[in-house]
Amino acid sequence: IEVSLKRSVVTGSARKMKDNAADWHNLMMRWNKLNEDGFNVAEKIVNIRLSQSDQQLLVGESSSSSSAAPAGGAAELEDECCKLQDVVNKMVAVVTKMECLMTSQRGIQDLEEFQFGPEGRKVPQFHTWNTKQFERTCGSLCDAFRSELRLKQTILEEVGHTVTSDLSVVLLSCWLHQPFNPPQTRRALEALLLETGHRPL
């Protein structure tokens, strides 16, 4: 009986790049989950702030009923802001891991330049990409998530203090739709997964 193993053994730099591609996928899935969680918390914060603002308009500041309501609302607001801070802290950890992947990819690039000269390896490690293309793709992913993280940190600072519904909608929309993380980012990841064999051609 003959048994043929179709799976090729990937070693060295190629193995590291393939592992890095899988890590990129896992980190982006983690980011997406955190983005969803953060949006839900930010939405609660906006609703609390708008409710507090409405109460202050309806009930005079000197009224006895207004002193109890904002106190309870303030505690709830603080609790939700702490939850959002926790989400952003986890996003910081995700971006830090992405930066480590970028450092790893640069190391592979430097090693290949040392081994093969400035032009790098003549034969691709996988299908068509050279190592510089991997580095460019990883760099664009890292830049997108760094920028998106800065936006999240700004929203975190502002959302608990915003009392106008228009600005609240803008902040929530920016959190949800991630303007620095456009569909091209997802396509870049898919190209990376295709190139490394994680997705079938």
N, C-alpha and C. Protein backbone atom coordinates (compact mmCIF):
# COMPACT_ATOMS: atom_id res chain seq x y z
N ILE A 1 0.85 -1.18 0.00
CA ILE A 1 0.00 0.00 0.00
C ILE A 1 0.89 1.23 0.00
N GLU A 2 0.61 2.15 -0.91
CA GLU A 2 1.37 3.40 -0.96
C GLU A 2 0.55 4.52 -0.35
N VAL A 3 1.20 5.26 0.50
CA VAL A 3 0.56 6.42 1.12
C VAL A 3 1.33 7.65 0.69
N SER A 4 0.66 8.58 0.05
CA SER A 4 1.33 9.82 -0.36
C SER A 4 0.85 10.96 0.52
N LEU A 5 1.80 11.69 1.04
CA LEU A 5 1.46 12.85 1.87
C LEU A 5 1.43 14.07 0.97
N LYS A 6 0.26 14.65 0.82
CA LYS A 6 0.12 15.84 -0.03
C LYS A 6 0.59 17.10 0.67
N ARG A 7 0.57 17.05 1.99
CA ARG A 7 0.93 18.24 2.75
C ARG A 7 2.43 18.45 2.69
N SER A 8 2.86 19.62 2.26
CA SER A 8 4.29 19.91 2.20
C SER A 8 4.76 20.42 3.56
N VAL A 9 5.98 20.08 3.87
CA VAL A 9 6.56 20.52 5.13
C VAL A 9 7.18 21.89 4.90
N VAL A 10 6.71 22.87 5.63
CA VAL A 10 7.21 24.23 5.50
C VAL A 10 8.13 24.50 6.68
N THR A 11 9.34 24.97 6.39
CA THR A 11 10.31 25.21 7.46
C THR A 11 10.94 26.60 7.31
N GLY A 12 11.72 26.97 8.30
CA GLY A 12 12.50 28.20 8.25
C GLY A 12 11.65 29.45 8.15
N SER A 13 12.10 30.37 7.30
CA SER A 13 11.40 31.66 7.14
C SER A 13 9.97 31.47 6.64
N ALA A 14 9.79 30.51 5.75
CA ALA A 14 8.44 30.26 5.22
C ALA A 14 7.49 29.83 6.33
N ARG A 15 7.96 28.98 7.22
CA ARG A 15 7.14 28.53 8.36
C ARG A 15 6.76 29.73 9.24
N LYS A 16 7.74 30.60 9.49
CA LYS A 16 7.49 31.77 10.33
C LYS A 16 6.48 32.70 9.67
N MET A 17 6.61 32.91 8.36
CA MET A 17 5.66 33.79 7.66
C MET A 17 4.26 33.19 7.65
N LYS A 18 4.18 31.88 7.50
CA LYS A 18 2.88 31.21 7.51
C LYS A 18 2.24 31.33 8.90
N ASP A 19 3.05 31.12 9.94
CA ASP A 19 2.54 31.27 11.31
C ASP A 19 2.10 32.71 11.57
N ASN A 20 2.89 33.67 11.08
CA ASN A 20 2.54 35.08 11.26
C ASN A 20 1.20 35.41 10.58
N ALA A 21 0.97 34.84 9.40
CA ALA A 21 -0.29 35.08 8.69
C ALA A 21 -1.47 34.56 9.51
N ALA A 22 -1.30 33.38 10.11
CA ALA A 22 -2.36 32.83 10.98
C ALA A 22 -2.57 33.73 12.19
N ASP A 23 -1.47 34.25 12.74
CA ASP A 23 -1.59 35.16 13.89
C ASP A 23 -2.31 36.45 13.51
N TRP A 24 -2.02 36.97 12.30
CA TRP A 24 -2.73 38.17 11.83
C TRP A 24 -4.23 37.91 11.79
N HIS A 25 -4.60 36.76 11.26
CA HIS A 25 -6.03 36.42 11.17
C HIS A 25 -6.65 36.37 12.56
N ASN A 26 -6.00 35.68 13.48
CA ASN A 26 -6.54 35.56 14.84
C ASN A 26 -6.64 36.90 15.54
N LEU A 27 -5.64 37.76 15.36
CA LEU A 27 -5.67 39.08 15.99
C LEU A 27 -6.77 39.95 15.39
N MET A 28 -6.99 39.85 14.09
CA MET A 28 -8.06 40.64 13.48
C MET A 28 -9.44 40.15 13.93
N MET A 29 -9.59 38.85 14.11
CA MET A 29 -10.85 38.33 14.64
C MET A 29 -11.07 38.82 16.07
N ARG A 30 -10.00 38.84 16.85
CA ARG A 30 -10.07 39.35 18.23
C ARG A 30 -10.45 40.83 18.22
N TRP A 31 -9.82 41.60 17.33
CA TRP A 31 -10.12 43.03 17.22
C TRP A 31 -11.59 43.24 16.88
N ASN A 32 -12.10 42.48 15.92
CA ASN A 32 -13.50 42.64 15.51
C ASN A 32 -14.46 42.37 16.66
N LYS A 33 -14.15 41.37 17.47
CA LYS A 33 -14.98 41.07 18.65
C LYS A 33 -14.91 42.22 19.65
N LEU A 34 -13.71 42.74 19.89
CA LEU A 34 -13.56 43.88 20.80
C LEU A 34 -14.27 45.11 20.26
N ASN A 35 -14.22 45.30 18.94
CA ASN A 35 -14.90 46.45 18.33
C ASN A 35 -16.41 46.37 18.57
N GLU A 36 -16.95 45.18 18.42
CA GLU A 36 -18.39 44.97 18.66
C GLU A 36 -18.73 45.21 20.13
N ASP A 37 -17.92 44.64 21.02
CA ASP A 37 -18.15 44.83 22.47
C ASP A 37 -18.06 46.31 22.84
N GLY A 38 -17.05 46.98 22.30
CA GLY A 38 -16.85 48.39 22.60
C GLY A 38 -17.99 49.25 22.10
N PHE A 39 -18.51 48.92 20.92
CA PHE A 39 -19.64 49.68 20.39
C PHE A 39 -20.84 49.57 21.31
N ASN A 40 -21.12 48.36 21.79
CA ASN A 40 -22.27 48.16 22.69
C ASN A 40 -22.12 48.97 23.97
N VAL A 41 -20.91 49.02 24.51
CA VAL A 41 -20.66 49.80 25.73
C VAL A 41 -20.78 51.29 25.43
N ALA A 42 -20.17 51.73 24.32
CA ALA A 42 -20.23 53.16 23.96
C ALA A 42 -21.67 53.60 23.74
N GLU A 43 -22.48 52.74 23.16
CA GLU A 43 -23.90 53.05 22.94
C GLU A 43 -24.61 53.25 24.28
N LYS A 44 -24.30 52.41 25.27
CA LYS A 44 -24.89 52.58 26.60
C LYS A 44 -24.46 53.91 27.22
N ILE A 45 -23.19 54.25 27.06
CA ILE A 45 -22.67 55.52 27.60
C ILE A 45 -23.43 56.69 26.98
N VAL A 46 -23.59 56.66 25.67
CA VAL A 46 -24.31 57.74 24.97
C VAL A 46 -25.75 57.84 25.48
N ASN A 47 -26.41 56.71 25.64
CA ASN A 47 -27.80 56.73 26.13
C ASN A 47 -27.89 57.28 27.55
N ILE A 48 -26.94 56.93 28.40
CA ILE A 48 -26.93 57.47 29.78
C ILE A 48 -26.73 58.97 29.75
N ARG A 49 -25.75 59.44 28.95
CA ARG A 49 -25.46 60.88 28.88
C ARG A 49 -26.66 61.66 28.34
N LEU A 50 -27.28 61.15 27.30
CA LEU A 50 -28.43 61.86 26.72
C LEU A 50 -29.61 61.85 27.69
N SER A 51 -29.78 60.76 28.41
CA SER A 51 -30.84 60.68 29.42
C SER A 51 -30.59 61.68 30.55
N GLN A 52 -29.34 61.78 30.98
CA GLN A 52 -28.99 62.76 32.03
C GLN A 52 -29.25 64.18 31.54
N SER A 53 -28.88 64.44 30.30
CA SER A 53 -29.08 65.77 29.73
C SER A 53 -30.56 66.11 29.64
N ASP A 54 -31.38 65.14 29.23
CA ASP A 54 -32.83 65.35 29.15
C ASP A 54 -33.42 65.60 30.53
N GLN A 55 -32.96 64.85 31.53
CA GLN A 55 -33.47 65.01 32.90
C GLN A 55 -33.15 66.40 33.43
N GLN A 56 -31.96 66.87 33.13
CA GLN A 56 -31.58 68.20 33.62
C GLN A 56 -32.40 69.29 32.96
N LEU A 57 -32.81 69.05 31.72
CA LEU A 57 -33.66 70.03 31.04
C LEU A 57 -35.08 70.01 31.59
N LEU A 58 -35.60 68.81 31.86
CA LEU A 58 -36.98 68.68 32.32
C LEU A 58 -37.15 69.08 33.78
N VAL A 59 -36.20 68.71 34.60
CA VAL A 59 -36.29 69.00 36.03
C VAL A 59 -35.27 70.07 36.36
N GLY A 60 -35.69 71.10 37.02
CA GLY A 60 -34.77 72.19 37.37
C GLY A 60 -33.63 71.69 38.23
N GLU A 61 -32.48 72.32 38.12
CA GLU A 61 -31.29 71.91 38.88
C GLU A 61 -31.52 72.02 40.38
N SER A 62 -32.40 72.91 40.80
CA SER A 62 -32.63 73.09 42.24
C SER A 62 -33.62 72.08 42.81
N SER A 63 -34.28 71.32 41.95
CA SER A 63 -35.29 70.36 42.41
C SER A 63 -34.62 69.22 43.18
N SER A 64 -35.32 68.71 44.19
CA SER A 64 -34.78 67.63 45.01
C SER A 64 -34.69 66.33 44.24
N SER A 65 -35.60 66.11 43.27
CA SER A 65 -35.60 64.86 42.50
C SER A 65 -34.41 64.78 41.56
N SER A 66 -33.86 65.92 41.15
CA SER A 66 -32.75 65.89 40.20
C SER A 66 -31.45 65.49 40.86
N SER A 67 -31.33 65.66 42.17
CA SER A 67 -30.07 65.32 42.84
C SER A 67 -29.87 63.82 42.94
N ALA A 68 -30.94 63.06 43.08
CA ALA A 68 -30.81 61.60 43.21
C ALA A 68 -30.57 60.94 41.86
N ALA A 69 -31.27 61.41 40.83
CA ALA A 69 -31.17 60.77 39.52
C ALA A 69 -29.77 60.87 38.92
N PRO A 70 -29.16 62.08 38.88
CA PRO A 70 -27.82 62.14 38.31
C PRO A 70 -26.80 61.35 39.12
N ALA A 71 -26.98 61.25 40.44
CA ALA A 71 -26.03 60.50 41.25
C ALA A 71 -26.03 59.03 40.84
N GLY A 72 -27.23 58.45 40.68
CA GLY A 72 -27.33 57.07 40.21
C GLY A 72 -26.81 56.93 38.80
N GLY A 73 -27.16 57.88 37.96
CA GLY A 73 -26.69 57.87 36.57
C GLY A 73 -25.19 58.02 36.48
N ALA A 74 -24.62 58.82 37.38
CA ALA A 74 -23.17 59.04 37.38
C ALA A 74 -22.42 57.75 37.69
N ALA A 75 -22.94 56.98 38.64
CA ALA A 75 -22.30 55.71 38.99
C ALA A 75 -22.38 54.73 37.82
N GLU A 76 -23.54 54.69 37.18
CA GLU A 76 -23.71 53.81 36.03
C GLU A 76 -22.81 54.25 34.88
N LEU A 77 -22.74 55.57 34.67
CA LEU A 77 -21.88 56.12 33.62
C LEU A 77 -20.42 55.77 33.87
N GLU A 78 -19.99 55.93 35.11
CA GLU A 78 -18.60 55.61 35.46
C GLU A 78 -18.31 54.13 35.23
N ASP A 79 -19.26 53.28 35.58
CA ASP A 79 -19.09 51.83 35.38
C ASP A 79 -18.94 51.49 33.90
N GLU A 80 -19.78 52.09 33.06
CA GLU A 80 -19.71 51.82 31.62
C GLU A 80 -18.42 52.39 31.01
N CYS A 81 -17.99 53.56 31.50
CA CYS A 81 -16.73 54.14 31.01
C CYS A 81 -15.54 53.24 31.37
N CYS A 82 -15.59 52.63 32.55
CA CYS A 82 -14.54 51.68 32.95
C CYS A 82 -14.54 50.46 32.03
N LYS A 83 -15.74 50.01 31.66
CA LYS A 83 -15.83 48.87 30.73
C LYS A 83 -15.24 49.22 29.37
N LEU A 84 -15.52 50.45 28.91
CA LEU A 84 -14.98 50.87 27.62
C LEU A 84 -13.46 51.01 27.69
N GLN A 85 -12.97 51.52 28.82
CA GLN A 85 -11.52 51.61 29.03
C GLN A 85 -10.88 50.22 28.96
N ASP A 86 -11.55 49.24 29.54
CA ASP A 86 -11.05 47.87 29.51
C ASP A 86 -10.98 47.34 28.08
N VAL A 87 -12.01 47.63 27.28
CA VAL A 87 -12.02 47.21 25.88
C VAL A 87 -10.85 47.85 25.13
N VAL A 88 -10.66 49.15 25.33
CA VAL A 88 -9.57 49.86 24.64
C VAL A 88 -8.22 49.31 25.09
N ASN A 89 -8.07 49.00 26.37
CA ASN A 89 -6.82 48.40 26.85
C ASN A 89 -6.53 47.08 26.14
N LYS A 90 -7.58 46.29 25.93
CA LYS A 90 -7.41 45.02 25.21
C LYS A 90 -7.05 45.28 23.74
N MET A 91 -7.59 46.35 23.17
CA MET A 91 -7.23 46.71 21.80
C MET A 91 -5.77 47.14 21.71
N VAL A 92 -5.29 47.83 22.74
CA VAL A 92 -3.87 48.21 22.80
C VAL A 92 -3.01 46.94 22.77
N ALA A 93 -3.42 45.93 23.54
CA ALA A 93 -2.68 44.66 23.58
C ALA A 93 -2.67 43.99 22.21
N VAL A 94 -3.80 44.05 21.50
CA VAL A 94 -3.88 43.45 20.16
C VAL A 94 -2.92 44.17 19.21
N VAL A 95 -2.92 45.50 19.23
CA VAL A 95 -2.04 46.26 18.33
C VAL A 95 -0.58 46.02 18.70
N THR A 96 -0.27 45.89 19.98
CA THR A 96 1.10 45.58 20.40
C THR A 96 1.55 44.25 19.81
N LYS A 97 0.67 43.26 19.81
CA LYS A 97 1.00 41.96 19.21
C LYS A 97 1.17 42.08 17.70
N MET A 98 0.35 42.93 17.07
CA MET A 98 0.50 43.16 15.63
C MET A 98 1.86 43.80 15.33
N GLU A 99 2.28 44.72 16.18
CA GLU A 99 3.59 45.36 16.00
C GLU A 99 4.71 44.34 16.15
N CYS A 100 4.53 43.36 17.04
CA CYS A 100 5.52 42.28 17.18
C CYS A 100 5.59 41.44 15.90
N LEU A 101 4.44 41.19 15.29
CA LEU A 101 4.42 40.46 14.02
C LEU A 101 5.15 41.24 12.94
N MET A 102 4.97 42.56 12.95
CA MET A 102 5.64 43.41 11.97
C MET A 102 7.15 43.37 12.19
N THR A 103 7.58 43.41 13.45
CA THR A 103 9.01 43.32 13.76
C THR A 103 9.58 41.98 13.29
N SER A 104 8.82 40.92 13.50
CA SER A 104 9.23 39.59 13.04
C SER A 104 9.38 39.55 11.53
N GLN A 105 8.42 40.16 10.82
CA GLN A 105 8.48 40.17 9.35
C GLN A 105 9.67 40.98 8.86
N ARG A 106 9.97 42.09 9.54
CA ARG A 106 11.15 42.89 9.16
C ARG A 106 12.42 42.08 9.38
N GLY A 107 12.44 41.30 10.46
CA GLY A 107 13.60 40.44 10.73
C GLY A 107 13.81 39.42 9.62
N ILE A 108 12.72 38.83 9.13
CA ILE A 108 12.82 37.88 8.03
C ILE A 108 13.35 38.57 6.78
N GLN A 109 12.86 39.78 6.54
CA GLN A 109 13.32 40.56 5.39
C GLN A 109 14.82 40.86 5.51
N ASP A 110 15.26 41.29 6.69
CA ASP A 110 16.68 41.58 6.90
C ASP A 110 17.54 40.33 6.71
N LEU A 111 17.06 39.20 7.21
CA LEU A 111 17.79 37.94 7.07
C LEU A 111 17.94 37.57 5.60
N GLU A 112 16.87 37.72 4.83
CA GLU A 112 16.94 37.38 3.41
C GLU A 112 17.87 38.32 2.65
N GLU A 113 17.86 39.59 3.02
CA GLU A 113 18.79 40.52 2.37
C GLU A 113 20.23 40.16 2.71
N PHE A 114 20.46 39.71 3.94
CA PHE A 114 21.80 39.28 4.35
C PHE A 114 22.21 38.02 3.58
N GLN A 115 21.28 37.08 3.42
CA GLN A 115 21.58 35.81 2.75
C GLN A 115 21.69 35.93 1.24
N PHE A 116 20.78 36.71 0.64
CA PHE A 116 20.66 36.71 -0.82
C PHE A 116 21.00 38.06 -1.47
N GLY A 117 21.34 39.06 -0.67
CA GLY A 117 21.63 40.38 -1.21
C GLY A 117 20.39 41.27 -1.19
N PRO A 118 20.55 42.54 -1.63
CA PRO A 118 19.45 43.51 -1.54
C PRO A 118 18.19 43.11 -2.31
N GLU A 119 18.34 42.32 -3.35
CA GLU A 119 17.18 41.89 -4.14
C GLU A 119 16.40 40.78 -3.46
N GLY A 120 17.02 40.14 -2.49
CA GLY A 120 16.33 39.07 -1.76
C GLY A 120 16.31 37.76 -2.52
N ARG A 121 15.49 36.87 -2.05
CA ARG A 121 15.36 35.52 -2.62
C ARG A 121 14.82 35.59 -4.04
N LYS A 122 15.39 34.77 -4.93
CA LYS A 122 14.94 34.77 -6.34
C LYS A 122 13.64 34.00 -6.52
N VAL A 123 13.46 32.94 -5.76
CA VAL A 123 12.27 32.09 -5.88
C VAL A 123 11.32 32.41 -4.72
N PRO A 124 10.03 32.64 -5.00
CA PRO A 124 9.09 32.96 -3.91
C PRO A 124 9.00 31.81 -2.89
N GLN A 125 8.73 32.17 -1.64
CA GLN A 125 8.58 31.17 -0.59
C GLN A 125 7.29 30.36 -0.77
N PHE A 126 6.26 31.00 -1.33
CA PHE A 126 4.96 30.34 -1.45
C PHE A 126 4.52 30.33 -2.91
N HIS A 127 3.62 31.23 -3.29
CA HIS A 127 3.10 31.23 -4.67
C HIS A 127 3.80 32.29 -5.52
N THR A 128 3.55 33.56 -5.21
CA THR A 128 4.09 34.62 -6.07
C THR A 128 4.78 35.75 -5.31
N TRP A 129 4.46 35.94 -4.05
CA TRP A 129 5.00 37.09 -3.31
C TRP A 129 6.45 36.88 -2.93
N ASN A 130 7.21 37.99 -3.01
CA ASN A 130 8.53 37.96 -2.39
C ASN A 130 8.39 38.48 -0.96
N THR A 131 9.47 38.44 -0.22
CA THR A 131 9.42 38.80 1.20
C THR A 131 9.06 40.27 1.40
N LYS A 132 9.48 41.12 0.46
CA LYS A 132 9.14 42.55 0.56
C LYS A 132 7.64 42.77 0.47
N GLN A 133 6.96 41.97 -0.33
CA GLN A 133 5.50 42.09 -0.44
C GLN A 133 4.82 41.69 0.88
N PHE A 134 5.37 40.69 1.54
CA PHE A 134 4.85 40.32 2.86
C PHE A 134 5.04 41.48 3.83
N GLU A 135 6.22 42.09 3.78
CA GLU A 135 6.50 43.19 4.70
C GLU A 135 5.59 44.38 4.43
N ARG A 136 5.38 44.69 3.15
CA ARG A 136 4.49 45.81 2.80
C ARG A 136 3.06 45.55 3.28
N THR A 137 2.58 44.34 3.06
CA THR A 137 1.21 44.00 3.48
C THR A 137 1.08 44.07 5.00
N CYS A 138 2.03 43.48 5.71
CA CYS A 138 1.99 43.53 7.18
C CYS A 138 2.09 44.97 7.67
N GLY A 139 2.92 45.77 7.00
CA GLY A 139 3.06 47.18 7.38
C GLY A 139 1.77 47.95 7.20
N SER A 140 1.07 47.70 6.09
CA SER A 140 -0.20 48.41 5.85
C SER A 140 -1.25 47.99 6.88
N LEU A 141 -1.28 46.70 7.23
CA LEU A 141 -2.21 46.23 8.26
C LEU A 141 -1.90 46.88 9.60
N CYS A 142 -0.64 46.90 9.95
CA CYS A 142 -0.23 47.47 11.24
C CYS A 142 -0.57 48.96 11.31
N ASP A 143 -0.29 49.69 10.23
CA ASP A 143 -0.59 51.13 10.20
C ASP A 143 -2.09 51.39 10.35
N ALA A 144 -2.91 50.57 9.68
CA ALA A 144 -4.37 50.74 9.76
C ALA A 144 -4.86 50.55 11.19
N PHE A 145 -4.38 49.52 11.85
CA PHE A 145 -4.86 49.25 13.21
C PHE A 145 -4.29 50.23 14.23
N ARG A 146 -3.08 50.73 14.00
CA ARG A 146 -2.54 51.78 14.88
C ARG A 146 -3.41 53.03 14.80
N SER A 147 -3.75 53.43 13.58
CA SER A 147 -4.59 54.62 13.39
C SER A 147 -5.97 54.41 13.99
N GLU A 148 -6.53 53.23 13.79
CA GLU A 148 -7.85 52.94 14.34
C GLU A 148 -7.82 52.95 15.86
N LEU A 149 -6.74 52.46 16.44
CA LEU A 149 -6.60 52.47 17.90
C LEU A 149 -6.57 53.91 18.42
N ARG A 150 -5.84 54.79 17.73
CA ARG A 150 -5.80 56.20 18.16
C ARG A 150 -7.20 56.81 18.14
N LEU A 151 -7.99 56.47 17.11
CA LEU A 151 -9.37 56.95 17.04
C LEU A 151 -10.19 56.42 18.22
N LYS A 152 -10.04 55.14 18.52
CA LYS A 152 -10.78 54.55 19.64
C LYS A 152 -10.42 55.26 20.95
N GLN A 153 -9.14 55.56 21.13
CA GLN A 153 -8.71 56.24 22.35
C GLN A 153 -9.31 57.64 22.44
N THR A 154 -9.43 58.32 21.30
CA THR A 154 -10.06 59.64 21.29
C THR A 154 -11.55 59.53 21.62
N ILE A 155 -12.22 58.54 21.03
CA ILE A 155 -13.64 58.34 21.32
C ILE A 155 -13.84 58.03 22.80
N LEU A 156 -12.97 57.21 23.36
CA LEU A 156 -13.03 56.89 24.79
C LEU A 156 -12.97 58.16 25.64
N GLU A 157 -12.09 59.08 25.27
CA GLU A 157 -11.94 60.33 26.03
C GLU A 157 -13.17 61.23 25.91
N GLU A 158 -13.84 61.18 24.76
CA GLU A 158 -14.92 62.14 24.48
C GLU A 158 -16.32 61.64 24.80
N VAL A 159 -16.56 60.34 24.61
CA VAL A 159 -17.94 59.84 24.62
C VAL A 159 -18.65 60.05 25.95
N GLY A 160 -17.94 59.99 27.06
CA GLY A 160 -18.57 60.18 28.37
C GLY A 160 -18.90 61.62 28.70
N HIS A 161 -18.38 62.55 27.89
CA HIS A 161 -18.61 63.98 28.16
C HIS A 161 -19.54 64.62 27.13
N THR A 162 -19.95 63.86 26.14
CA THR A 162 -20.75 64.40 25.05
C THR A 162 -22.23 64.42 25.42
N VAL A 163 -22.86 65.58 25.26
CA VAL A 163 -24.28 65.69 25.60
C VAL A 163 -25.16 65.98 24.39
N THR A 164 -24.55 66.27 23.23
CA THR A 164 -25.37 66.53 22.05
C THR A 164 -25.55 65.24 21.27
N SER A 165 -26.76 65.03 20.79
CA SER A 165 -27.05 63.77 20.08
C SER A 165 -26.28 63.68 18.77
N ASP A 166 -26.08 64.82 18.08
CA ASP A 166 -25.37 64.79 16.80
C ASP A 166 -23.94 64.29 16.97
N LEU A 167 -23.22 64.85 17.94
CA LEU A 167 -21.84 64.43 18.17
C LEU A 167 -21.79 62.98 18.66
N SER A 168 -22.76 62.60 19.46
CA SER A 168 -22.83 61.22 19.95
C SER A 168 -22.96 60.24 18.79
N VAL A 169 -23.81 60.58 17.83
CA VAL A 169 -24.01 59.72 16.66
C VAL A 169 -22.71 59.62 15.85
N VAL A 170 -22.01 60.73 15.71
CA VAL A 170 -20.73 60.72 14.98
C VAL A 170 -19.73 59.80 15.68
N LEU A 171 -19.61 59.93 17.00
CA LEU A 171 -18.67 59.10 17.75
C LEU A 171 -19.01 57.61 17.62
N LEU A 172 -20.30 57.29 17.77
CA LEU A 172 -20.72 55.89 17.65
C LEU A 172 -20.48 55.36 16.23
N SER A 173 -20.77 56.20 15.25
CA SER A 173 -20.57 55.79 13.86
C SER A 173 -19.09 55.54 13.57
N CYS A 174 -18.23 56.42 14.08
CA CYS A 174 -16.79 56.24 13.89
C CYS A 174 -16.30 54.96 14.55
N TRP A 175 -16.84 54.68 15.74
CA TRP A 175 -16.43 53.44 16.41
C TRP A 175 -16.86 52.22 15.60
N LEU A 176 -18.11 52.22 15.17
CA LEU A 176 -18.67 51.05 14.49
C LEU A 176 -18.04 50.82 13.12
N HIS A 177 -17.91 51.88 12.32
CA HIS A 177 -17.52 51.72 10.92
C HIS A 177 -16.01 51.76 10.69
N GLN A 178 -15.23 52.13 11.70
CA GLN A 178 -13.77 52.06 11.65
C GLN A 178 -13.18 52.67 10.37
N PRO A 179 -13.19 53.99 10.24
CA PRO A 179 -12.73 54.62 9.00
C PRO A 179 -11.27 54.34 8.65
N PHE A 180 -10.43 54.03 9.64
CA PHE A 180 -9.03 53.74 9.35
C PHE A 180 -8.79 52.26 9.06
N ASN A 181 -9.86 51.49 9.10
CA ASN A 181 -9.78 50.05 8.87
C ASN A 181 -10.78 49.69 7.76
N PRO A 182 -10.51 50.17 6.52
CA PRO A 182 -11.48 49.99 5.43
C PRO A 182 -11.50 48.55 4.92
N PRO A 183 -12.41 48.24 3.99
CA PRO A 183 -12.48 46.87 3.43
C PRO A 183 -11.16 46.39 2.82
N GLN A 184 -10.32 47.32 2.34
CA GLN A 184 -9.03 46.93 1.77
C GLN A 184 -8.17 46.19 2.80
N THR A 185 -8.35 46.52 4.07
CA THR A 185 -7.60 45.85 5.13
C THR A 185 -7.96 44.38 5.17
N ARG A 186 -9.24 44.09 5.10
CA ARG A 186 -9.69 42.70 5.09
C ARG A 186 -9.20 41.97 3.84
N ARG A 187 -9.22 42.69 2.70
CA ARG A 187 -8.73 42.07 1.46
C ARG A 187 -7.23 41.78 1.55
N ALA A 188 -6.49 42.68 2.19
CA ALA A 188 -5.05 42.45 2.37
C ALA A 188 -4.80 41.21 3.21
N LEU A 189 -5.59 41.04 4.26
CA LEU A 189 -5.46 39.83 5.09
C LEU A 189 -5.79 38.59 4.27
N GLU A 190 -6.87 38.64 3.48
CA GLU A 190 -7.26 37.48 2.67
C GLU A 190 -6.17 37.14 1.66
N ALA A 191 -5.54 38.16 1.07
CA ALA A 191 -4.44 37.92 0.13
C ALA A 191 -3.27 37.25 0.85
N LEU A 192 -2.99 37.69 2.07
CA LEU A 192 -1.92 37.10 2.88
C LEU A 192 -2.23 35.63 3.18
N LEU A 193 -3.48 35.35 3.51
CA LEU A 193 -3.87 33.97 3.81
C LEU A 193 -3.84 33.09 2.56
N LEU A 194 -4.24 33.65 1.42
CA LEU A 194 -4.16 32.90 0.16
C LEU A 194 -2.72 32.59 -0.20
N GLU A 195 -1.87 33.59 -0.09
CA GLU A 195 -0.47 33.43 -0.46
C GLU A 195 0.23 32.38 0.39
N THR A 196 -0.09 32.33 1.67
CA THR A 196 0.58 31.40 2.58
C THR A 196 -0.09 30.03 2.64
N GLY A 197 -1.18 29.84 1.90
CA GLY A 197 -1.82 28.54 1.84
C GLY A 197 -2.86 28.28 2.91
N HIS A 198 -3.20 29.30 3.70
CA HIS A 198 -4.26 29.14 4.70
C HIS A 198 -5.64 29.12 4.05
N ARG A 199 -5.75 29.73 2.88
CA ARG A 199 -6.98 29.70 2.09
C ARG A 199 -6.67 28.99 0.77
N PRO A 200 -7.57 28.14 0.29
CA PRO A 200 -7.31 27.47 -0.99
C PRO A 200 -7.40 28.44 -2.16
N LEU A 201 -6.53 28.23 -3.15
CA LEU A 201 -6.56 29.07 -4.35
C LEU A 201 -7.69 28.64 -5.28
